[in-house]
């Protein structure tokens, strides 16, 4: 158990974010956010599973190796992206 905190510290070494260590995650999250804003929930959910697997594939760097945790992270990021998408759409009207 003493290794776990050290692993967490290593995962975010050098100030890297999740977007830095998971290739193309930012683009996928934007797509999911747009789908959520448009009400395309089944498409958003399917894409979210893909994004979760991208995160899990980089488990060494992210510290996230299980699907449930990865999906939770994707959901939080995607909901934020959807809120941004709605705000941008709302300000343009």
PDB file of N, CA and C in Angstrom:
ATOM      1  N   UNK A   1       0.814  -1.195   0.000  1.00  0.00           N
ATOM      2  CA  UNK A   1       0.000   0.000   0.000  1.00  0.00           C
ATOM      3  C   UNK A   1       0.857   1.258   0.000  1.00  0.00           C
ATOM      4  N   UNK A   2       2.093   1.167   0.384  1.00  0.00           N
ATOM      5  CA  UNK A   2       2.934   2.355   0.389  1.00  0.00           C
ATOM      6  C   UNK A   2       3.287   2.802  -1.018  1.00  0.00           C
ATOM      7  N   UNK A   3       3.178   1.927  -2.022  1.00  0.00           N
ATOM      8  CA  UNK A   3       3.503   2.294  -3.396  1.00  0.00           C
ATOM      9  C   UNK A   3       2.396   3.107  -4.047  1.00  0.00           C
ATOM     10  N   UNK A   4       1.158   2.935  -3.627  1.00  0.00           N
ATOM     11  CA  UNK A   4       0.035   3.602  -4.283  1.00  0.00           C
ATOM     12  C   UNK A   4       0.146   5.125  -4.303  1.00  0.00           C
ATOM     13  N   UNK A   5       0.433   5.805  -3.188  1.00  0.00           N
ATOM     14  CA  UNK A   5       0.579   7.262  -3.269  1.00  0.00           C
ATOM     15  C   UNK A   5       1.714   7.685  -4.190  1.00  0.00           C
ATOM     16  N   UNK A   6       2.783   6.924  -4.213  1.00  0.00           N
ATOM     17  CA  UNK A   6       3.901   7.247  -5.098  1.00  0.00           C
ATOM     18  C   UNK A   6       3.490   7.093  -6.557  1.00  0.00           C
ATOM     19  N   UNK A   7       2.677   6.093  -6.848  1.00  0.00           N
ATOM     20  CA  UNK A   7       2.209   5.893  -8.220  1.00  0.00           C
ATOM     21  C   UNK A   7       1.328   7.060  -8.655  1.00  0.00           C
ATOM     22  N   UNK A   8       0.505   7.556  -7.755  1.00  0.00           N
ATOM     23  CA  UNK A   8      -0.344   8.707  -8.078  1.00  0.00           C
ATOM     24  C   UNK A   8       0.492   9.940  -8.368  1.00  0.00           C
ATOM     25  N   UNK A   9       1.537  10.148  -7.573  1.00  0.00           N
ATOM     26  CA  UNK A   9       2.417  11.291  -7.805  1.00  0.00           C
ATOM     27  C   UNK A   9       3.103  11.173  -9.161  1.00  0.00           C
ATOM     28  N   UNK A  10       3.545   9.975  -9.497  1.00  0.00           N
ATOM     29  CA  UNK A  10       4.245   9.762 -10.759  1.00  0.00           C
ATOM     30  C   UNK A  10       3.322   9.989 -11.949  1.00  0.00           C
ATOM     31  N   UNK A  11       2.038   9.668 -11.784  1.00  0.00           N
ATOM     32  CA  UNK A  11       1.090   9.806 -12.891  1.00  0.00           C
ATOM     33  C   UNK A  11       0.955  11.251 -13.348  1.00  0.00           C
ATOM     34  N   UNK A  12       1.174  12.182 -12.465  1.00  0.00           N
ATOM     35  CA  UNK A  12       0.996  13.593 -12.831  1.00  0.00           C
ATOM     36  C   UNK A  12       2.308  14.364 -12.730  1.00  0.00           C
ATOM     37  N   UNK A  13       3.399  13.653 -12.884  1.00  0.00           N
ATOM     38  CA  UNK A  13       4.712  14.292 -12.834  1.00  0.00           C
ATOM     39  C   UNK A  13       4.864  15.293 -13.966  1.00  0.00           C
ATOM     40  N   UNK A  14       5.675  16.271 -13.738  1.00  0.00           N
ATOM     41  CA  UNK A  14       5.969  17.309 -14.728  1.00  0.00           C
ATOM     42  C   UNK A  14       4.750  18.130 -15.118  1.00  0.00           C
ATOM     43  N   UNK A  15       3.738  18.164 -14.282  1.00  0.00           N
ATOM     44  CA  UNK A  15       2.570  18.995 -14.547  1.00  0.00           C
ATOM     45  C   UNK A  15       1.715  18.533 -15.712  1.00  0.00           C
ATOM     46  N   UNK A  16       1.819  17.282 -16.106  1.00  0.00           N
ATOM     47  CA  UNK A  16       1.037  16.768 -17.229  1.00  0.00           C
ATOM     48  C   UNK A  16      -0.402  16.526 -16.800  1.00  0.00           C
ATOM     49  N   UNK A  17      -1.316  16.798 -17.710  1.00  0.00           N
ATOM     50  CA  UNK A  17      -2.725  16.531 -17.459  1.00  0.00           C
ATOM     51  C   UNK A  17      -3.124  15.238 -18.151  1.00  0.00           C
ATOM     52  N   UNK A  18      -4.337  14.825 -17.914  1.00  0.00           N
ATOM     53  CA  UNK A  18      -4.862  13.635 -18.571  1.00  0.00           C
ATOM     54  C   UNK A  18      -4.834  13.812 -20.088  1.00  0.00           C
ATOM     55  N   UNK A  19      -5.124  15.015 -20.529  1.00  0.00           N
ATOM     56  CA  UNK A  19      -5.092  15.295 -21.966  1.00  0.00           C
ATOM     57  C   UNK A  19      -3.681  15.180 -22.539  1.00  0.00           C
ATOM     58  N   UNK A  20      -2.674  15.432 -21.726  1.00  0.00           N
ATOM     59  CA  UNK A  20      -1.290  15.308 -22.173  1.00  0.00           C
ATOM     60  C   UNK A  20      -0.857  13.851 -22.343  1.00  0.00           C
ATOM     61  N   UNK A  21      -1.356  12.988 -21.494  1.00  0.00           N
ATOM     62  CA  UNK A  21      -0.883  11.604 -21.494  1.00  0.00           C
ATOM     63  C   UNK A  21      -1.765  10.640 -22.281  1.00  0.00           C
ATOM     64  N   UNK A  22      -2.964  11.077 -22.668  1.00  0.00           N
ATOM     65  CA  UNK A  22      -3.858  10.224 -23.461  1.00  0.00           C
ATOM     66  C   UNK A  22      -4.046  10.876 -24.828  1.00  0.00           C
ATOM     67  N   UNK A  23      -3.414  10.315 -25.851  1.00  0.00           N
ATOM     68  CA  UNK A  23      -3.508  10.910 -27.187  1.00  0.00           C
ATOM     69  C   UNK A  23      -4.957  11.024 -27.671  1.00  0.00           C
ATOM     70  N   UNK A  24      -5.270  12.163 -28.230  1.00  0.00           N
ATOM     71  CA  UNK A  24      -6.574  12.440 -28.848  1.00  0.00           C
ATOM     72  C   UNK A  24      -7.758  12.507 -27.879  1.00  0.00           C
ATOM     73  N   UNK A  25      -7.503  12.439 -26.575  1.00  0.00           N
ATOM     74  CA  UNK A  25      -8.610  12.475 -25.621  1.00  0.00           C
ATOM     75  C   UNK A  25      -9.372  13.789 -25.705  1.00  0.00           C
ATOM     76  N   UNK A  26      -8.674  14.899 -25.878  1.00  0.00           N
ATOM     77  CA  UNK A  26      -9.348  16.194 -25.954  1.00  0.00           C
ATOM     78  C   UNK A  26     -10.352  16.233 -27.099  1.00  0.00           C
ATOM     79  N   UNK A  27      -9.976  15.704 -28.247  1.00  0.00           N
ATOM     80  CA  UNK A  27     -10.879  15.683 -29.403  1.00  0.00           C
ATOM     81  C   UNK A  27     -12.086  14.796 -29.139  1.00  0.00           C
ATOM     82  N   UNK A  28     -11.856  13.630 -28.568  1.00  0.00           N
ATOM     83  CA  UNK A  28     -12.954  12.700 -28.284  1.00  0.00           C
ATOM     84  C   UNK A  28     -13.912  13.296 -27.260  1.00  0.00           C
ATOM     85  N   UNK A  29     -13.378  13.950 -26.237  1.00  0.00           N
ATOM     86  CA  UNK A  29     -14.232  14.575 -25.219  1.00  0.00           C
ATOM     87  C   UNK A  29     -15.062  15.700 -25.838  1.00  0.00           C
ATOM     88  N   UNK A  30     -14.481  16.475 -26.729  1.00  0.00           N
ATOM     89  CA  UNK A  30     -15.240  17.527 -27.412  1.00  0.00           C
ATOM     90  C   UNK A  30     -16.384  16.928 -28.224  1.00  0.00           C
ATOM     91  N   UNK A  31     -16.129  15.818 -28.894  1.00  0.00           N
ATOM     92  CA  UNK A  31     -17.168  15.151 -29.688  1.00  0.00           C
ATOM     93  C   UNK A  31     -18.284  14.662 -28.777  1.00  0.00           C
ATOM     94  N   UNK A  32     -17.929  14.038 -27.675  1.00  0.00           N
ATOM     95  CA  UNK A  32     -18.947  13.553 -26.729  1.00  0.00           C
ATOM     96  C   UNK A  32     -19.749  14.730 -26.188  1.00  0.00           C
ATOM     97  N   UNK A  33     -19.071  15.810 -25.818  1.00  0.00           N
ATOM     98  CA  UNK A  33     -19.763  16.996 -25.311  1.00  0.00           C
ATOM     99  C   UNK A  33     -20.735  17.563 -26.323  1.00  0.00           C
ATOM    100  N   UNK A  34     -20.332  17.613 -27.581  1.00  0.00           N
ATOM    101  CA  UNK A  34     -21.210  18.106 -28.646  1.00  0.00           C
ATOM    102  C   UNK A  34     -22.425  17.193 -28.806  1.00  0.00           C
ATOM    103  N   UNK A  35     -22.169  15.868 -28.768  1.00  0.00           N
ATOM    104  CA  UNK A  35     -23.274  14.913 -28.872  1.00  0.00           C
ATOM    105  C   UNK A  35     -24.252  15.071 -27.716  1.00  0.00           C
ATOM    106  N   UNK A  36     -23.741  15.276 -26.516  1.00  0.00           N
ATOM    107  CA  UNK A  36     -24.620  15.485 -25.359  1.00  0.00           C
ATOM    108  C   UNK A  36     -25.439  16.765 -25.521  1.00  0.00           C
ATOM    109  N   UNK A  37     -24.790  17.824 -25.979  1.00  0.00           N
ATOM    110  CA  UNK A  37     -25.491  19.095 -26.165  1.00  0.00           C
ATOM    111  C   UNK A  37     -26.588  18.986 -27.215  1.00  0.00           C
ATOM    112  N   UNK A  38     -26.386  18.116 -28.200  1.00  0.00           N
ATOM    113  CA  UNK A  38     -27.376  17.919 -29.260  1.00  0.00           C
ATOM    114  C   UNK A  38     -28.421  16.864 -28.912  1.00  0.00           C
ATOM    115  N   UNK A  39     -28.268  16.245 -27.755  1.00  0.00           N
ATOM    116  CA  UNK A  39     -29.233  15.226 -27.330  1.00  0.00           C
ATOM    117  C   UNK A  39     -29.001  13.870 -27.968  1.00  0.00           C
ATOM    118  N   UNK A  40     -27.839  13.651 -28.517  1.00  0.00           N
ATOM    119  CA  UNK A  40     -27.488  12.371 -29.142  1.00  0.00           C
ATOM    120  C   UNK A  40     -26.877  11.441 -28.087  1.00  0.00           C
ATOM    121  N   UNK A  41     -27.696  11.048 -27.107  1.00  0.00           N
ATOM    122  CA  UNK A  41     -27.193  10.311 -25.957  1.00  0.00           C
ATOM    123  C   UNK A  41     -26.633   8.928 -26.291  1.00  0.00           C
ATOM    124  N   UNK A  42     -27.279   8.129 -27.146  1.00  0.00           N
ATOM    125  CA  UNK A  42     -26.686   6.819 -27.463  1.00  0.00           C
ATOM    126  C   UNK A  42     -25.310   6.947 -28.138  1.00  0.00           C
ATOM    127  N   UNK A  43     -25.172   7.912 -29.020  1.00  0.00           N
ATOM    128  CA  UNK A  43     -23.891   8.132 -29.687  1.00  0.00           C
ATOM    129  C   UNK A  43     -22.840   8.589 -28.675  1.00  0.00           C
ATOM    130  N   UNK A  44     -23.232   9.500 -27.786  1.00  0.00           N
ATOM    131  CA  UNK A  44     -22.316   9.980 -26.752  1.00  0.00           C
ATOM    132  C   UNK A  44     -21.866   8.834 -25.852  1.00  0.00           C
ATOM    133  N   UNK A  45     -22.797   7.958 -25.501  1.00  0.00           N
ATOM    134  CA  UNK A  45     -22.456   6.832 -24.625  1.00  0.00           C
ATOM    135  C   UNK A  45     -21.495   5.869 -25.314  1.00  0.00           C
ATOM    136  N   UNK A  46     -21.747   5.575 -26.575  1.00  0.00           N
ATOM    137  CA  UNK A  46     -20.859   4.668 -27.305  1.00  0.00           C
ATOM    138  C   UNK A  46     -19.456   5.256 -27.414  1.00  0.00           C
ATOM    139  N   UNK A  47     -19.386   6.539 -27.695  1.00  0.00           N
ATOM    140  CA  UNK A  47     -18.086   7.201 -27.808  1.00  0.00           C
ATOM    141  C   UNK A  47     -17.390   7.262 -26.449  1.00  0.00           C
ATOM    142  N   UNK A  48     -18.170   7.409 -25.386  1.00  0.00           N
ATOM    143  CA  UNK A  48     -17.597   7.458 -24.036  1.00  0.00           C
ATOM    144  C   UNK A  48     -16.871   6.154 -23.698  1.00  0.00           C
ATOM    145  N   UNK A  49     -17.411   5.035 -24.120  1.00  0.00           N
ATOM    146  CA  UNK A  49     -16.725   3.758 -23.870  1.00  0.00           C
ATOM    147  C   UNK A  49     -15.383   3.730 -24.596  1.00  0.00           C
ATOM    148  N   UNK A  50     -15.347   4.268 -25.810  1.00  0.00           N
ATOM    149  CA  UNK A  50     -14.084   4.347 -26.536  1.00  0.00           C
ATOM    150  C   UNK A  50     -13.084   5.235 -25.817  1.00  0.00           C
ATOM    151  N   UNK A  51     -13.550   6.367 -25.321  1.00  0.00           N
ATOM    152  CA  UNK A  51     -12.678   7.288 -24.588  1.00  0.00           C
ATOM    153  C   UNK A  51     -12.165   6.636 -23.307  1.00  0.00           C
ATOM    154  N   UNK A  52     -13.028   5.891 -22.633  1.00  0.00           N
ATOM    155  CA  UNK A  52     -12.606   5.197 -21.407  1.00  0.00           C
ATOM    156  C   UNK A  52     -11.492   4.207 -21.716  1.00  0.00           C
ATOM    157  N   UNK A  53     -11.602   3.530 -22.843  1.00  0.00           N
ATOM    158  CA  UNK A  53     -10.568   2.568 -23.199  1.00  0.00           C
ATOM    159  C   UNK A  53      -9.263   3.259 -23.590  1.00  0.00           C
ATOM    160  N   UNK A  54      -9.357   4.452 -24.177  1.00  0.00           N
ATOM    161  CA  UNK A  54      -8.140   5.228 -24.438  1.00  0.00           C
ATOM    162  C   UNK A  54      -7.412   5.530 -23.126  1.00  0.00           C
ATOM    163  N   UNK A  55      -8.180   5.912 -22.119  1.00  0.00           N
ATOM    164  CA  UNK A  55      -7.598   6.217 -20.811  1.00  0.00           C
ATOM    165  C   UNK A  55      -6.979   4.967 -20.193  1.00  0.00           C
ATOM    166  N   UNK A  56      -7.687   3.849 -20.270  1.00  0.00           N
ATOM    167  CA  UNK A  56      -7.189   2.607 -19.684  1.00  0.00           C
ATOM    168  C   UNK A  56      -5.941   2.101 -20.406  1.00  0.00           C
ATOM    169  N   UNK A  57      -5.862   2.319 -21.723  1.00  0.00           N
ATOM    170  CA  UNK A  57      -4.669   1.904 -22.469  1.00  0.00           C
ATOM    171  C   UNK A  57      -3.418   2.627 -21.985  1.00  0.00           C
ATOM    172  N   UNK A  58      -3.605   3.811 -21.435  1.00  0.00           N
ATOM    173  CA  UNK A  58      -2.484   4.582 -20.900  1.00  0.00           C
ATOM    174  C   UNK A  58      -2.423   4.455 -19.377  1.00  0.00           C
ATOM    175  N   UNK A  59      -2.862   3.326 -18.870  1.00  0.00           N
ATOM    176  CA  UNK A  59      -2.950   3.090 -17.433  1.00  0.00           C
ATOM    177  C   UNK A  59      -1.670   3.342 -16.666  1.00  0.00           C
ATOM    178  N   UNK A  60      -0.549   3.066 -17.278  1.00  0.00           N
ATOM    179  CA  UNK A  60       0.731   3.309 -16.612  1.00  0.00           C
ATOM    180  C   UNK A  60       0.902   4.794 -16.307  1.00  0.00           C
ATOM    181  N   UNK A  61       0.516   5.635 -17.247  1.00  0.00           N
ATOM    182  CA  UNK A  61       0.675   7.086 -17.072  1.00  0.00           C
ATOM    183  C   UNK A  61      -0.496   7.713 -16.322  1.00  0.00           C
ATOM    184  N   UNK A  62      -1.708   7.174 -16.510  1.00  0.00           N
ATOM    185  CA  UNK A  62      -2.886   7.787 -15.897  1.00  0.00           C
ATOM    186  C   UNK A  62      -3.180   7.262 -14.505  1.00  0.00           C
ATOM    187  N   UNK A  63      -2.766   6.048 -14.231  1.00  0.00           N
ATOM    188  CA  UNK A  63      -3.114   5.413 -12.965  1.00  0.00           C
ATOM    189  C   UNK A  63      -4.527   4.864 -12.968  1.00  0.00           C
ATOM    190  N   UNK A  64      -5.197   4.934 -14.121  1.00  0.00           N
ATOM    191  CA  UNK A  64      -6.579   4.459 -14.249  1.00  0.00           C
ATOM    192  C   UNK A  64      -6.556   3.207 -15.113  1.00  0.00           C
ATOM    193  N   UNK A  65      -6.921   2.088 -14.488  1.00  0.00           N
ATOM    194  CA  UNK A  65      -6.848   0.824 -15.209  1.00  0.00           C
ATOM    195  C   UNK A  65      -8.181   0.100 -15.299  1.00  0.00           C
ATOM    196  N   UNK A  66      -9.211   0.602 -14.624  1.00  0.00           N
ATOM    197  CA  UNK A  66     -10.495  -0.087 -14.673  1.00  0.00           C
ATOM    198  C   UNK A  66     -11.535   0.766 -15.408  1.00  0.00           C
ATOM    199  N   UNK A  67     -12.454   0.081 -16.059  1.00  0.00           N
ATOM    200  CA  UNK A  67     -13.439   0.741 -16.898  1.00  0.00           C
ATOM    201  C   UNK A  67     -14.365   1.672 -16.123  1.00  0.00           C
ATOM    202  N   UNK A  68     -14.793   1.260 -14.946  1.00  0.00           N
ATOM    203  CA  UNK A  68     -15.724   2.088 -14.175  1.00  0.00           C
ATOM    204  C   UNK A  68     -15.120   3.447 -13.840  1.00  0.00           C
ATOM    205  N   UNK A  69     -13.878   3.453 -13.404  1.00  0.00           N
ATOM    206  CA  UNK A  69     -13.219   4.715 -13.075  1.00  0.00           C
ATOM    207  C   UNK A  69     -12.999   5.553 -14.323  1.00  0.00           C
ATOM    208  N   UNK A  70     -12.569   4.910 -15.401  1.00  0.00           N
ATOM    209  CA  UNK A  70     -12.346   5.629 -16.658  1.00  0.00           C
ATOM    210  C   UNK A  70     -13.639   6.249 -17.162  1.00  0.00           C
ATOM    211  N   UNK A  71     -14.738   5.512 -17.078  1.00  0.00           N
ATOM    212  CA  UNK A  71     -16.034   6.058 -17.514  1.00  0.00           C
ATOM    213  C   UNK A  71     -16.469   7.233 -16.647  1.00  0.00           C
ATOM    214  N   UNK A  72     -16.193   7.158 -15.362  1.00  0.00           N
ATOM    215  CA  UNK A  72     -16.529   8.260 -14.464  1.00  0.00           C
ATOM    216  C   UNK A  72     -15.756   9.521 -14.851  1.00  0.00           C
ATOM    217  N   UNK A  73     -14.486   9.355 -15.155  1.00  0.00           N
ATOM    218  CA  UNK A  73     -13.655  10.483 -15.586  1.00  0.00           C
ATOM    219  C   UNK A  73     -14.177  11.048 -16.904  1.00  0.00           C
ATOM    220  N   UNK A  74     -14.478  10.164 -17.851  1.00  0.00           N
ATOM    221  CA  UNK A  74     -14.996  10.605 -19.149  1.00  0.00           C
ATOM    222  C   UNK A  74     -16.312  11.352 -18.965  1.00  0.00           C
ATOM    223  N   UNK A  75     -17.171  10.847 -18.121  1.00  0.00           N
ATOM    224  CA  UNK A  75     -18.465  11.503 -17.896  1.00  0.00           C
ATOM    225  C   UNK A  75     -18.277  12.917 -17.354  1.00  0.00           C
ATOM    226  N   UNK A  76     -17.397  13.065 -16.391  1.00  0.00           N
ATOM    227  CA  UNK A  76     -17.157  14.397 -15.822  1.00  0.00           C
ATOM    228  C   UNK A  76     -16.603  15.354 -16.870  1.00  0.00           C
ATOM    229  N   UNK A  77     -15.632  14.891 -17.643  1.00  0.00           N
ATOM    230  CA  UNK A  77     -15.043  15.740 -18.679  1.00  0.00           C
ATOM    231  C   UNK A  77     -16.066  16.061 -19.768  1.00  0.00           C
ATOM    232  N   UNK A  78     -16.853  15.067 -20.160  1.00  0.00           N
ATOM    233  CA  UNK A  78     -17.839  15.268 -21.227  1.00  0.00           C
ATOM    234  C   UNK A  78     -18.971  16.194 -20.788  1.00  0.00           C
ATOM    235  N   UNK A  79     -19.396  16.088 -19.550  1.00  0.00           N
ATOM    236  CA  UNK A  79     -20.445  16.989 -19.064  1.00  0.00           C
ATOM    237  C   UNK A  79     -19.946  18.428 -19.044  1.00  0.00           C
ATOM    238  N   UNK A  80     -18.702  18.618 -18.697  1.00  0.00           N
ATOM    239  CA  UNK A  80     -18.117  19.952 -18.736  1.00  0.00           C
ATOM    240  C   UNK A  80     -18.038  20.464 -20.175  1.00  0.00           C
ATOM    241  N   UNK A  81     -17.627  19.590 -21.081  1.00  0.00           N
ATOM    242  CA  UNK A  81     -17.553  19.976 -22.497  1.00  0.00           C
ATOM    243  C   UNK A  81     -18.938  20.297 -23.042  1.00  0.00           C
ATOM    244  N   UNK A  82     -19.953  19.544 -22.627  1.00  0.00           N
ATOM    245  CA  UNK A  82     -21.322  19.805 -23.083  1.00  0.00           C
ATOM    246  C   UNK A  82     -21.820  21.152 -22.550  1.00  0.00           C
ATOM    247  N   UNK A  83     -21.503  21.452 -21.305  1.00  0.00           N
ATOM    248  CA  UNK A  83     -21.901  22.757 -20.741  1.00  0.00           C
ATOM    249  C   UNK A  83     -21.237  23.896 -21.501  1.00  0.00           C
ATOM    250  N   UNK A  84     -19.981  23.702 -21.846  1.00  0.00           N
ATOM    251  CA  UNK A  84     -19.276  24.726 -22.635  1.00  0.00           C
ATOM    252  C   UNK A  84     -19.923  24.872 -24.006  1.00  0.00           C
ATOM    253  N   UNK A  85     -20.245  23.763 -24.621  1.00  0.00           N
ATOM    254  CA  UNK A  85     -20.889  23.764 -25.947  1.00  0.00           C
ATOM    255  C   UNK A  85     -22.234  24.503 -25.884  1.00  0.00           C
ATOM    256  N   UNK A  86     -23.015  24.243 -24.840  1.00  0.00           N
ATOM    257  CA  UNK A  86     -24.305  24.913 -24.689  1.00  0.00           C
ATOM    258  C   UNK A  86     -24.115  26.404 -24.465  1.00  0.00           C
ATOM    259  N   UNK A  87     -23.120  26.772 -23.691  1.00  0.00           N
ATOM    260  CA  UNK A  87     -22.850  28.191 -23.406  1.00  0.00           C
ATOM    261  C   UNK A  87     -22.425  28.909 -24.687  1.00  0.00           C
ATOM    262  N   UNK A  88     -21.583  28.279 -25.469  1.00  0.00           N
ATOM    263  CA  UNK A  88     -21.137  28.866 -26.730  1.00  0.00           C
ATOM    264  C   UNK A  88     -22.310  29.006 -27.685  1.00  0.00           C
ATOM    265  N   UNK A  89     -23.130  27.967 -27.777  1.00  0.00           N
ATOM    266  CA  UNK A  89     -24.305  28.022 -28.639  1.00  0.00           C
ATOM    267  C   UNK A  89     -25.284  29.091 -28.173  1.00  0.00           C
ATOM    268  N   UNK A  90     -25.447  29.215 -26.866  1.00  0.00           N
ATOM    269  CA  UNK A  90     -26.370  30.193 -26.298  1.00  0.00           C
ATOM    270  C   UNK A  90     -25.903  31.623 -26.499  1.00  0.00           C
ATOM    271  N   UNK A  91     -24.602  31.835 -26.488  1.00  0.00           N
ATOM    272  CA  UNK A  91     -24.088  33.201 -26.647  1.00  0.00           C
ATOM    273  C   UNK A  91     -24.127  33.639 -28.102  1.00  0.00           C
ATOM    274  N   UNK A  92     -24.194  32.687 -29.012  1.00  0.00           N
ATOM    275  CA  UNK A  92     -24.236  33.021 -30.432  1.00  0.00           C
ATOM    276  C   UNK A  92     -25.629  33.305 -30.944  1.00  0.00           C
ATOM    277  N   UNK A  93     -26.668  33.029 -30.151  1.00  0.00           N
ATOM    278  CA  UNK A  93     -28.045  33.229 -30.612  1.00  0.00           C
ATOM    279  C   UNK A  93     -28.500  34.647 -30.484  1.00  0.00           C
TER     280      UNK A  93
END
